[in-house]
Amino acid sequence: PVGTGPGSVSIAPDGAHAYVTNQYDNTVSVIDTTTSTV
């Protein structure tokens, strides 16, 4: 689960985190790619 209106995702070079833009919340969700949690 992330914020509303997600637009893009980008992965950190070490693969440990993903960054998702939430257009309607004006936020970015940070995801731990090992645990699949924000």
Full PDB file with SEQRES, HELIX, SHEET, SSBOND, CRYST1, ORIGX, SCALE, CONECT and MASTER records, all heavy atoms in Angstrom:
SEQRES   1 A   38  PRO VAL GLY THR GLY PRO GLY SER VAL SER ILE ALA PRO          
SEQRES   2 A   38  ASP GLY ALA HIS ALA TYR VAL THR ASN GLN TYR ASP ASN          
SEQRES   3 A   38  THR VAL SER VAL ILE ASP THR THR THR SER THR VAL              
SHEET    1 AA1 3 PRO A   6  ILE A  11  0                                        
SHEET    2 AA1 3 HIS A  17  ASN A  22 -1                                        
SHEET    3 AA1 3 THR A  27  ASP A  32 -1                                        
CRYST1    1.000    1.000    1.000  90.00  90.00  90.00 P 1           1          
ORIGX1      1.000000  0.000000  0.000000        0.00000                         
ORIGX2      0.000000  1.000000  0.000000        0.00000                         
ORIGX3      0.000000  0.000000  1.000000        0.00000                         
SCALE1      1.000000  0.000000  0.000000        0.00000                         
SCALE2      0.000000  1.000000  0.000000        0.00000                         
SCALE3      0.000000  0.000000  1.000000        0.00000                         
ATOM      1  N   PRO A   1       0.831  -1.213   0.000  1.00  0.00           N  
ATOM      2  CA  PRO A   1       0.000   0.000   0.000  1.00  0.00           C  
ATOM      3  C   PRO A   1       0.860   1.256   0.000  1.00  0.00           C  
ATOM      4  O   PRO A   1       1.819   1.371   0.768  1.00  0.00           O  
ATOM      5  CB  PRO A   1      -0.802  -0.125   1.297  1.00  0.00           C  
ATOM      6  CG  PRO A   1       0.033  -0.993   2.179  1.00  0.00           C  
ATOM      7  CD  PRO A   1       0.761  -1.944   1.277  1.00  0.00           C  
ATOM      8  N   VAL A   2       0.528   2.200  -0.892  1.00  0.00           N  
ATOM      9  CA  VAL A   2       1.242   3.482  -0.961  1.00  0.00           C  
ATOM     10  C   VAL A   2       0.205   4.604  -0.918  1.00  0.00           C  
ATOM     11  O   VAL A   2      -0.950   4.379  -0.579  1.00  0.00           O  
ATOM     12  CB  VAL A   2       2.097   3.560  -2.244  1.00  0.00           C  
ATOM     13  CG1 VAL A   2       3.223   2.525  -2.205  1.00  0.00           C  
ATOM     14  CG2 VAL A   2       1.245   3.379  -3.496  1.00  0.00           C  
ATOM     15  N   GLY A   3       0.632   5.828  -1.263  1.00  0.00           N  
ATOM     16  CA  GLY A   3      -0.303   6.956  -1.292  1.00  0.00           C  
ATOM     17  C   GLY A   3      -1.178   6.933  -2.530  1.00  0.00           C  
ATOM     18  O   GLY A   3      -1.093   6.027  -3.360  1.00  0.00           O  
ATOM     19  N   THR A   4      -2.023   7.955  -2.677  1.00  0.00           N  
ATOM     20  CA  THR A   4      -2.943   8.003  -3.817  1.00  0.00           C  
ATOM     21  C   THR A   4      -2.293   8.657  -5.018  1.00  0.00           C  
ATOM     22  O   THR A   4      -1.468   9.561  -4.901  1.00  0.00           O  
ATOM     23  CB  THR A   4      -4.219   8.778  -3.442  1.00  0.00           C  
ATOM     24  OG1 THR A   4      -3.861  10.058  -2.932  1.00  0.00           O  
ATOM     25  CG2 THR A   4      -5.021   8.030  -2.398  1.00  0.00           C  
ATOM     26  N   GLY A   5      -2.698   8.143  -6.207  1.00  0.00           N  
ATOM     27  CA  GLY A   5      -2.195   8.696  -7.456  1.00  0.00           C  
ATOM     28  C   GLY A   5      -0.731   8.415  -7.703  1.00  0.00           C  
ATOM     29  O   GLY A   5      -0.011   9.331  -8.140  1.00  0.00           O  
ATOM     30  N   PRO A   6      -0.260   7.199  -7.457  1.00  0.00           N  
ATOM     31  CA  PRO A   6       1.153   6.937  -7.709  1.00  0.00           C  
ATOM     32  C   PRO A   6       1.488   7.149  -9.172  1.00  0.00           C  
ATOM     33  O   PRO A   6       0.732   6.745 -10.064  1.00  0.00           O  
ATOM     34  CB  PRO A   6       1.324   5.475  -7.283  1.00  0.00           C  
ATOM     35  CG  PRO A   6      -0.042   4.885  -7.354  1.00  0.00           C  
ATOM     36  CD  PRO A   6      -0.967   5.983  -6.997  1.00  0.00           C  
ATOM     37  N   GLY A   7       2.650   7.779  -9.420  1.00  0.00           N  
ATOM     38  CA  GLY A   7       3.002   8.127 -10.787  1.00  0.00           C  
ATOM     39  C   GLY A   7       4.207   7.399 -11.320  1.00  0.00           C  
ATOM     40  O   GLY A   7       4.187   6.878 -12.427  1.00  0.00           O  
ATOM     41  N   SER A   8       5.292   7.348 -10.550  1.00  0.00           N  
ATOM     42  CA  SER A   8       6.517   6.708 -11.018  1.00  0.00           C  
ATOM     43  C   SER A   8       7.189   5.977  -9.877  1.00  0.00           C  
ATOM     44  O   SER A   8       6.913   6.239  -8.700  1.00  0.00           O  
ATOM     45  CB  SER A   8       7.489   7.759 -11.587  1.00  0.00           C  
ATOM     46  OG  SER A   8       6.960   8.404 -12.715  1.00  0.00           O  
ATOM     47  N   VAL A   9       8.087   5.069 -10.244  1.00  0.00           N  
ATOM     48  CA  VAL A   9       8.879   4.357  -9.257  1.00  0.00           C  
ATOM     49  C   VAL A   9      10.329   4.347  -9.721  1.00  0.00           C  
ATOM     50  O   VAL A   9      10.606   4.261 -10.913  1.00  0.00           O  
ATOM     51  CB  VAL A   9       8.368   2.920  -9.037  1.00  0.00           C  
ATOM     52  CG1 VAL A   9       8.435   2.110 -10.316  1.00  0.00           C  
ATOM     53  CG2 VAL A   9       9.155   2.223  -7.933  1.00  0.00           C  
ATOM     54  N   SER A  10      11.255   4.464  -8.774  1.00  0.00           N  
ATOM     55  CA  SER A  10      12.681   4.385  -9.083  1.00  0.00           C  
ATOM     56  C   SER A  10      13.360   3.585  -7.986  1.00  0.00           C  
ATOM     57  O   SER A  10      12.993   3.686  -6.810  1.00  0.00           O  
ATOM     58  CB  SER A  10      13.308   5.787  -9.178  1.00  0.00           C  
ATOM     59  OG  SER A  10      14.668   5.726  -9.553  1.00  0.00           O  
ATOM     60  N   ILE A  11      14.332   2.777  -8.378  1.00  0.00           N  
ATOM     61  CA  ILE A  11      15.026   1.895  -7.448  1.00  0.00           C  
ATOM     62  C   ILE A  11      16.414   2.452  -7.147  1.00  0.00           C  
ATOM     63  O   ILE A  11      17.127   2.894  -8.051  1.00  0.00           O  
ATOM     64  CB  ILE A  11      15.168   0.470  -8.029  1.00  0.00           C  
ATOM     65  CG1 ILE A  11      13.827  -0.024  -8.567  1.00  0.00           C  
ATOM     66  CG2 ILE A  11      15.737  -0.480  -6.992  1.00  0.00           C  
ATOM     67  CD1 ILE A  11      12.764  -0.177  -7.547  1.00  0.00           C  
ATOM     68  N   ALA A  12      16.794   2.450  -5.875  1.00  0.00           N  
ATOM     69  CA  ALA A  12      18.135   2.886  -5.482  1.00  0.00           C  
ATOM     70  C   ALA A  12      19.170   1.967  -6.119  1.00  0.00           C  
ATOM     71  O   ALA A  12      18.890   0.805  -6.395  1.00  0.00           O  
ATOM     72  CB  ALA A  12      18.274   2.862  -3.957  1.00  0.00           C  
ATOM     73  N   PRO A  13      20.384   2.474  -6.370  1.00  0.00           N  
ATOM     74  CA  PRO A  13      21.383   1.670  -7.072  1.00  0.00           C  
ATOM     75  C   PRO A  13      21.771   0.389  -6.356  1.00  0.00           C  
ATOM     76  O   PRO A  13      22.171  -0.584  -6.993  1.00  0.00           O  
ATOM     77  CB  PRO A  13      22.585   2.623  -7.200  1.00  0.00           C  
ATOM     78  CG  PRO A  13      22.347   3.702  -6.205  1.00  0.00           C  
ATOM     79  CD  PRO A  13      20.873   3.845  -6.101  1.00  0.00           C  
ATOM     80  N   ASP A  14      21.629   0.351  -5.030  1.00  0.00           N  
ATOM     81  CA  ASP A  14      21.950  -0.885  -4.318  1.00  0.00           C  
ATOM     82  C   ASP A  14      20.766  -1.842  -4.253  1.00  0.00           C  
ATOM     83  O   ASP A  14      20.864  -2.945  -3.715  1.00  0.00           O  
ATOM     84  CB  ASP A  14      22.461  -0.590  -2.901  1.00  0.00           C  
ATOM     85  CG  ASP A  14      21.429   0.119  -2.033  1.00  0.00           C  
ATOM     86  OD1 ASP A  14      20.297   0.359  -2.506  1.00  0.00           O  
ATOM     87  OD2 ASP A  14      21.770   0.442  -0.879  1.00  0.00           O  
ATOM     88  N   GLY A  15      19.630  -1.437  -4.827  1.00  0.00           N  
ATOM     89  CA  GLY A  15      18.452  -2.289  -4.866  1.00  0.00           C  
ATOM     90  C   GLY A  15      17.708  -2.412  -3.557  1.00  0.00           C  
ATOM     91  O   GLY A  15      16.720  -3.141  -3.469  1.00  0.00           O  
ATOM     92  N   ALA A  16      18.123  -1.700  -2.514  1.00  0.00           N  
ATOM     93  CA  ALA A  16      17.536  -1.873  -1.190  1.00  0.00           C  
ATOM     94  C   ALA A  16      16.219  -1.120  -1.016  1.00  0.00           C  
ATOM     95  O   ALA A  16      15.399  -1.510  -0.177  1.00  0.00           O  
ATOM     96  CB  ALA A  16      18.521  -1.433  -0.117  1.00  0.00           C  
ATOM     97  N   HIS A  17      16.019  -0.037  -1.760  1.00  0.00           N  
ATOM     98  CA  HIS A  17      14.807   0.767  -1.585  1.00  0.00           C  
ATOM     99  C   HIS A  17      14.230   1.185  -2.935  1.00  0.00           C  
ATOM    100  O   HIS A  17      14.964   1.365  -3.913  1.00  0.00           O  
ATOM    101  CB  HIS A  17      15.096   2.024  -0.752  1.00  0.00           C  
ATOM    102  CG  HIS A  17      15.469   1.729   0.667  1.00  0.00           C  
ATOM    103  ND1 HIS A  17      16.778   1.530   1.070  1.00  0.00           N  
ATOM    104  CD2 HIS A  17      14.692   1.565   1.781  1.00  0.00           C  
ATOM    105  CE1 HIS A  17      16.791   1.268   2.364  1.00  0.00           C  
ATOM    106  NE2 HIS A  17      15.551   1.272   2.816  1.00  0.00           N  
ATOM    107  N   ALA A  18      12.896   1.325  -2.946  1.00  0.00           N  
ATOM    108  CA  ALA A  18      12.185   1.862  -4.098  1.00  0.00           C  
ATOM    109  C   ALA A  18      11.478   3.140  -3.659  1.00  0.00           C  
ATOM    110  O   ALA A  18      11.039   3.268  -2.511  1.00  0.00           O  
ATOM    111  CB  ALA A  18      11.172   0.847  -4.620  1.00  0.00           C  
ATOM    112  N   TYR A  19      11.362   4.096  -4.593  1.00  0.00           N  
ATOM    113  CA  TYR A  19      10.740   5.392  -4.307  1.00  0.00           C  
ATOM    114  C   TYR A  19       9.561   5.580  -5.269  1.00  0.00           C  
ATOM    115  O   TYR A  19       9.734   5.518  -6.489  1.00  0.00           O  
ATOM    116  CB  TYR A  19      11.760   6.518  -4.459  1.00  0.00           C  
ATOM    117  CG  TYR A  19      12.937   6.343  -3.531  1.00  0.00           C  
ATOM    118  CD1 TYR A  19      14.038   5.572  -3.899  1.00  0.00           C  
ATOM    119  CD2 TYR A  19      12.929   6.903  -2.259  1.00  0.00           C  
ATOM    120  CE1 TYR A  19      15.099   5.371  -3.026  1.00  0.00           C  
ATOM    121  CE2 TYR A  19      13.987   6.709  -1.378  1.00  0.00           C  
ATOM    122  CZ  TYR A  19      15.069   5.942  -1.770  1.00  0.00           C  
ATOM    123  OH  TYR A  19      16.117   5.733  -0.911  1.00  0.00           O  
ATOM    124  N   VAL A  20       8.368   5.779  -4.685  1.00  0.00           N  
ATOM    125  CA  VAL A  20       7.135   5.899  -5.474  1.00  0.00           C  
ATOM    126  C   VAL A  20       6.532   7.273  -5.237  1.00  0.00           C  
ATOM    127  O   VAL A  20       6.294   7.670  -4.089  1.00  0.00           O  
ATOM    128  CB  VAL A  20       6.116   4.803  -5.083  1.00  0.00           C  
ATOM    129  CG1 VAL A  20       4.824   4.976  -5.874  1.00  0.00           C  
ATOM    130  CG2 VAL A  20       6.701   3.421  -5.311  1.00  0.00           C  
ATOM    131  N   THR A  21       6.265   8.012  -6.331  1.00  0.00           N  
ATOM    132  CA  THR A  21       5.613   9.324  -6.198  1.00  0.00           C  
ATOM    133  C   THR A  21       4.109   9.142  -6.059  1.00  0.00           C  
ATOM    134  O   THR A  21       3.484   8.371  -6.789  1.00  0.00           O  
ATOM    135  CB  THR A  21       5.906  10.218  -7.419  1.00  0.00           C  
ATOM    136  OG1 THR A  21       5.498   9.530  -8.607  1.00  0.00           O  
ATOM    137  CG2 THR A  21       7.371  10.576  -7.503  1.00  0.00           C  
ATOM    138  N   ASN A  22       3.515   9.889  -5.115  1.00  0.00           N  
ATOM    139  CA  ASN A  22       2.061   9.888  -4.894  1.00  0.00           C  
ATOM    140  C   ASN A  22       1.539  11.267  -5.281  1.00  0.00           C  
ATOM    141  O   ASN A  22       1.632  12.226  -4.519  1.00  0.00           O  
ATOM    142  CB  ASN A  22       1.756   9.573  -3.427  1.00  0.00           C  
ATOM    143  CG  ASN A  22       2.380   8.260  -2.979  1.00  0.00           C  
ATOM    144  OD1 ASN A  22       2.211   7.240  -3.621  1.00  0.00           O  
ATOM    145  ND2 ASN A  22       3.134   8.293  -1.882  1.00  0.00           N  
ATOM    146  N   GLN A  23       0.938  11.363  -6.492  1.00  0.00           N  
ATOM    147  CA  GLN A  23       0.606  12.668  -7.055  1.00  0.00           C  
ATOM    148  C   GLN A  23      -0.452  13.426  -6.250  1.00  0.00           C  
ATOM    149  O   GLN A  23      -0.388  14.651  -6.133  1.00  0.00           O  
ATOM    150  CB  GLN A  23       0.100  12.475  -8.487  1.00  0.00           C  
ATOM    151  CG  GLN A  23       1.138  11.893  -9.424  1.00  0.00           C  
ATOM    152  CD  GLN A  23       0.559  11.620 -10.795  1.00  0.00           C  
ATOM    153  OE1 GLN A  23       0.451  12.527 -11.612  1.00  0.00           O  
ATOM    154  NE2 GLN A  23       0.164  10.368 -11.023  1.00  0.00           N  
ATOM    155  N   TYR A  24      -1.424  12.725  -5.694  1.00  0.00           N  
ATOM    156  CA  TYR A  24      -2.515  13.412  -5.017  1.00  0.00           C  
ATOM    157  C   TYR A  24      -2.226  13.663  -3.543  1.00  0.00           C  
ATOM    158  O   TYR A  24      -2.922  14.448  -2.891  1.00  0.00           O  
ATOM    159  CB  TYR A  24      -3.819  12.623  -5.183  1.00  0.00           C  
ATOM    160  CG  TYR A  24      -4.148  12.354  -6.638  1.00  0.00           C  
ATOM    161  CD1 TYR A  24      -4.616  11.103  -7.049  1.00  0.00           C  
ATOM    162  CD2 TYR A  24      -3.951  13.342  -7.601  1.00  0.00           C  
ATOM    163  CE1 TYR A  24      -4.899  10.857  -8.383  1.00  0.00           C  
ATOM    164  CE2 TYR A  24      -4.231  13.097  -8.941  1.00  0.00           C  
ATOM    165  CZ  TYR A  24      -4.698  11.860  -9.337  1.00  0.00           C  
ATOM    166  OH  TYR A  24      -4.959  11.618 -10.641  1.00  0.00           O  
ATOM    167  N   ASP A  25      -1.187  13.000  -3.013  1.00  0.00           N  
ATOM    168  CA  ASP A  25      -0.802  13.226  -1.618  1.00  0.00           C  
ATOM    169  C   ASP A  25       0.380  14.189  -1.490  1.00  0.00           C  
ATOM    170  O   ASP A  25       0.713  14.626  -0.390  1.00  0.00           O  
ATOM    171  CB  ASP A  25      -0.386  11.899  -0.951  1.00  0.00           C  
ATOM    172  CG  ASP A  25      -1.554  10.943  -0.768  1.00  0.00           C  
ATOM    173  OD1 ASP A  25      -2.700  11.391  -0.946  1.00  0.00           O  
ATOM    174  OD2 ASP A  25      -1.300   9.766  -0.464  1.00  0.00           O  
ATOM    175  N   ASN A  26       1.021  14.469  -2.640  1.00  0.00           N  
ATOM    176  CA  ASN A  26       2.233  15.304  -2.638  1.00  0.00           C  
ATOM    177  C   ASN A  26       3.319  14.689  -1.738  1.00  0.00           C  
ATOM    178  O   ASN A  26       3.956  15.363  -0.936  1.00  0.00           O  
ATOM    179  CB  ASN A  26       1.931  16.740  -2.190  1.00  0.00           C  
ATOM    180  CG  ASN A  26       0.918  17.425  -3.093  1.00  0.00           C  
ATOM    181  OD1 ASN A  26       0.818  17.100  -4.278  1.00  0.00           O  
ATOM    182  ND2 ASN A  26       0.158  18.352  -2.531  1.00  0.00           N  
ATOM    183  N   THR A  27       3.473  13.369  -1.894  1.00  0.00           N  
ATOM    184  CA  THR A  27       4.468  12.652  -1.080  1.00  0.00           C  
ATOM    185  C   THR A  27       5.202  11.635  -1.951  1.00  0.00           C  
ATOM    186  O   THR A  27       4.809  11.336  -3.087  1.00  0.00           O  
ATOM    187  CB  THR A  27       3.822  11.897   0.101  1.00  0.00           C  
ATOM    188  OG1 THR A  27       2.911  10.930  -0.411  1.00  0.00           O  
ATOM    189  CG2 THR A  27       3.122  12.858   1.052  1.00  0.00           C  
ATOM    190  N   VAL A  28       6.260  11.080  -1.360  1.00  0.00           N  
ATOM    191  CA  VAL A  28       6.989   9.957  -1.955  1.00  0.00           C  
ATOM    192  C   VAL A  28       7.017   8.838  -0.916  1.00  0.00           C  
ATOM    193  O   VAL A  28       7.406   9.058   0.236  1.00  0.00           O  
ATOM    194  CB  VAL A  28       8.426  10.352  -2.358  1.00  0.00           C  
ATOM    195  CG1 VAL A  28       9.243   9.116  -2.738  1.00  0.00           C  
ATOM    196  CG2 VAL A  28       8.408  11.353  -3.501  1.00  0.00           C  
ATOM    197  N   SER A  29       6.580   7.637  -1.318  1.00  0.00           N  
ATOM    198  CA  SER A  29       6.647   6.469  -0.438  1.00  0.00           C  
ATOM    199  C   SER A  29       7.999   5.795  -0.618  1.00  0.00           C  
ATOM    200  O   SER A  29       8.457   5.579  -1.747  1.00  0.00           O  
ATOM    201  CB  SER A  29       5.534   5.468  -0.763  1.00  0.00           C  
ATOM    202  OG  SER A  29       4.260   6.026  -0.502  1.00  0.00           O  
ATOM    203  N   VAL A  30       8.641   5.462   0.504  1.00  0.00           N  
ATOM    204  CA  VAL A  30       9.927   4.751   0.482  1.00  0.00           C  
ATOM    205  C   VAL A  30       9.656   3.296   0.846  1.00  0.00           C  
ATOM    206  O   VAL A  30       9.129   2.996   1.914  1.00  0.00           O  
ATOM    207  CB  VAL A  30      10.923   5.375   1.485  1.00  0.00           C  
ATOM    208  CG1 VAL A  30      12.270   4.647   1.404  1.00  0.00           C  
ATOM    209  CG2 VAL A  30      11.091   6.866   1.209  1.00  0.00           C  
ATOM    210  N   ILE A  31      10.007   2.380  -0.061  1.00  0.00           N  
ATOM    211  CA  ILE A  31       9.714   0.954   0.119  1.00  0.00           C  
ATOM    212  C   ILE A  31      11.010   0.188   0.363  1.00  0.00           C  
ATOM    213  O   ILE A  31      11.977   0.335  -0.392  1.00  0.00           O  
ATOM    214  CB  ILE A  31       8.997   0.382  -1.119  1.00  0.00           C  
ATOM    215  CG1 ILE A  31       7.641   1.075  -1.315  1.00  0.00           C  
ATOM    216  CG2 ILE A  31       8.816  -1.121  -1.007  1.00  0.00           C  
ATOM    217  CD1 ILE A  31       6.943   0.692  -2.601  1.00  0.00           C  
ATOM    218  N   ASP A  32      11.006  -0.617   1.409  1.00  0.00           N  
ATOM    219  CA  ASP A  32      12.106  -1.543   1.665  1.00  0.00           C  
ATOM    220  C   ASP A  32      11.873  -2.756   0.763  1.00  0.00           C  
ATOM    221  O   ASP A  32      10.888  -3.479   0.926  1.00  0.00           O  
ATOM    222  CB  ASP A  32      12.111  -1.958   3.137  1.00  0.00           C  
ATOM    223  CG  ASP A  32      13.275  -2.878   3.495  1.00  0.00           C  
ATOM    224  OD1 ASP A  32      13.607  -3.763   2.686  1.00  0.00           O  
ATOM    225  OD2 ASP A  32      13.841  -2.714   4.595  1.00  0.00           O  
ATOM    226  N   THR A  33      12.769  -2.984  -0.200  1.00  0.00           N  
ATOM    227  CA  THR A  33      12.536  -4.052  -1.172  1.00  0.00           C  
ATOM    228  C   THR A  33      12.766  -5.447  -0.603  1.00  0.00           C  
ATOM    229  O   THR A  33      12.383  -6.434  -1.222  1.00  0.00           O  
ATOM    230  CB  THR A  33      13.430  -3.854  -2.406  1.00  0.00           C  
ATOM    231  OG1 THR A  33      14.802  -3.855  -2.000  1.00  0.00           O  
ATOM    232  CG2 THR A  33      13.110  -2.543  -3.095  1.00  0.00           C  
ATOM    233  N   THR A  34      13.402  -5.533   0.558  1.00  0.00           N  
ATOM    234  CA  THR A  34      13.601  -6.841   1.189  1.00  0.00           C  
ATOM    235  C   THR A  34      12.333  -7.310   1.887  1.00  0.00           C  
ATOM    236  O   THR A  34      11.923  -8.471   1.771  1.00  0.00           O  
ATOM    237  CB  THR A  34      14.759  -6.803   2.193  1.00  0.00           C  
ATOM    238  OG1 THR A  34      15.955  -6.420   1.506  1.00  0.00           O  
ATOM    239  CG2 THR A  34      14.965  -8.143   2.864  1.00  0.00           C  
ATOM    240  N   THR A  35      11.664  -6.376   2.590  1.00  0.00           N  
ATOM    241  CA  THR A  35      10.464  -6.732   3.351  1.00  0.00           C  
ATOM    242  C   THR A  35       9.174  -6.365   2.623  1.00  0.00           C  
ATOM    243  O   THR A  35       8.091  -6.719   3.080  1.00  0.00           O  
ATOM    244  CB  THR A  35      10.477  -6.019   4.719  1.00  0.00           C  
ATOM    245  OG1 THR A  35      10.476  -4.590   4.509  1.00  0.00           O  
ATOM    246  CG2 THR A  35      11.721  -6.409   5.508  1.00  0.00           C  
ATOM    247  N   SER A  36       9.303  -5.635   1.500  1.00  0.00           N  
ATOM    248  CA  SER A  36       8.129  -5.170   0.745  1.00  0.00           C  
ATOM    249  C   SER A  36       7.180  -4.365   1.625  1.00  0.00           C  
ATOM    250  O   SER A  36       5.963  -4.558   1.600  1.00  0.00           O  
ATOM    251  CB  SER A  36       7.391  -6.349   0.094  1.00  0.00           C  
ATOM    252  OG  SER A  36       8.198  -6.959  -0.877  1.00  0.00           O  
ATOM    253  N   THR A  37       7.742  -3.460   2.413  1.00  0.00           N  
ATOM    254  CA  THR A  37       6.937  -2.584   3.264  1.00  0.00           C  
ATOM    255  C   THR A  37       7.382  -1.140   3.063  1.00  0.00           C  
ATOM    256  O   THR A  37       8.537  -0.862   2.715  1.00  0.00           O  
ATOM    257  CB  THR A  37       7.104  -2.949   4.752  1.00  0.00           C  
ATOM    258  OG1 THR A  37       8.488  -2.867   5.110  1.00  0.00           O  
ATOM    259  CG2 THR A  37       6.594  -4.352   5.034  1.00  0.00           C  
ATOM    260  N   VAL A  38       6.445  -0.230   3.300  1.00  0.00           N  
ATOM    261  CA  VAL A  38       6.760   1.194   3.257  1.00  0.00           C  
ATOM    262  C   VAL A  38       7.418   1.579   4.576  1.00  0.00           C  
ATOM    263  O   VAL A  38       6.840   1.399   5.651  1.00  0.00           O  
ATOM    264  CB  VAL A  38       5.502   2.044   3.011  1.00  0.00           C  
ATOM    265  CG1 VAL A  38       5.816   3.535   3.142  1.00  0.00           C  
ATOM    266  CG2 VAL A  38       4.919   1.751   1.633  1.00  0.00           C  
TER     267      VAL A  38                                                      
MASTER        0    0    0    0    3    0    0    6  266    1    0    3          
END                                                                             
